[in-house]
Amino acid sequence: MEDDSGYTALYFQSHRRGSQALCAAGKQDAPQCPRWHRITLWVGFIWNIILVAIVIVLAVHLEKGKSDADVGRAKCSTSLDDFQARLNRELCNQSQDRSSVNSTCRICPVNWLLYRDKCYWRSEDMKRWKDSQADCATKNSHLVVIQDEEEMKFIKQNMQDKSVLYWIGLYSSLSEEKWASVTGSQLDPNILPSDTKRNHCGVIKDNIRSDSCSAEHVWICQREALLL
């Protein structure tokens, strides 16, 4: 019993000394906690100030960039207007004070002829009607569709070789003997050929006539003129 009592007394004494040591250590370390806490708060405060400064700088740069872009667009618009006016004067002999909006100046690509508001180009080699139309498509154009007598007169006057046939944008379908144009536009019945045959296509020489679409002829392309 005495041994047990002695063991119990030693245990409580040892436990009490350990508790006192922990408390002493806790009291000794307690003043350090507020110091690190204050340091953390200051670091966070400084970092927030830096972030606010970065946001302000970015906002200023964005506003300046927007202003510069507006000025650049205004200068670009003015430069384009000046360039267009110069083209009018050089290519179309337009007066300097004439507005480009009201300009009736039209131009065509190199080697194309201008008539009214259309451009015309004639080939030198020979192809079938379908292949001729495909070639015109590569030039952003189509086989010429003649609308009236005046246009037909212009085309005949500018044919390089009046002894050959030129493909034009007329064709008759397999299902019916009726002329149609590659543009779907209305045709003047006074200039259409009377010899309509199925699977035939339009050609022009001294007048408009029909020929087999599988024959090979030179051709004339047509496109809209560029308005300046």
Foldseek 3Di string as FASTA:
>chain_A
DVVVVVVVVVVVVVVVVVVVVVVVVCVVCVVVVVVVVVVVVVVVVVVVVVVVVVVVVVVVVVVVVVVVVVVVVVVVVVVVQVVLLVCCCPPVVDDNPDGLVPAPDWADDPQWDDDRFKTKHWDDFKAFLVVQQVVLVVVVWGFADDADDVSLVVVQVPDPDLVFKAFGQWAAAQVDQDIAGPVRDDHDPVQEAPPGDHQWGWIDHPGIDIDHRRDMGIYMIMDGTDRD
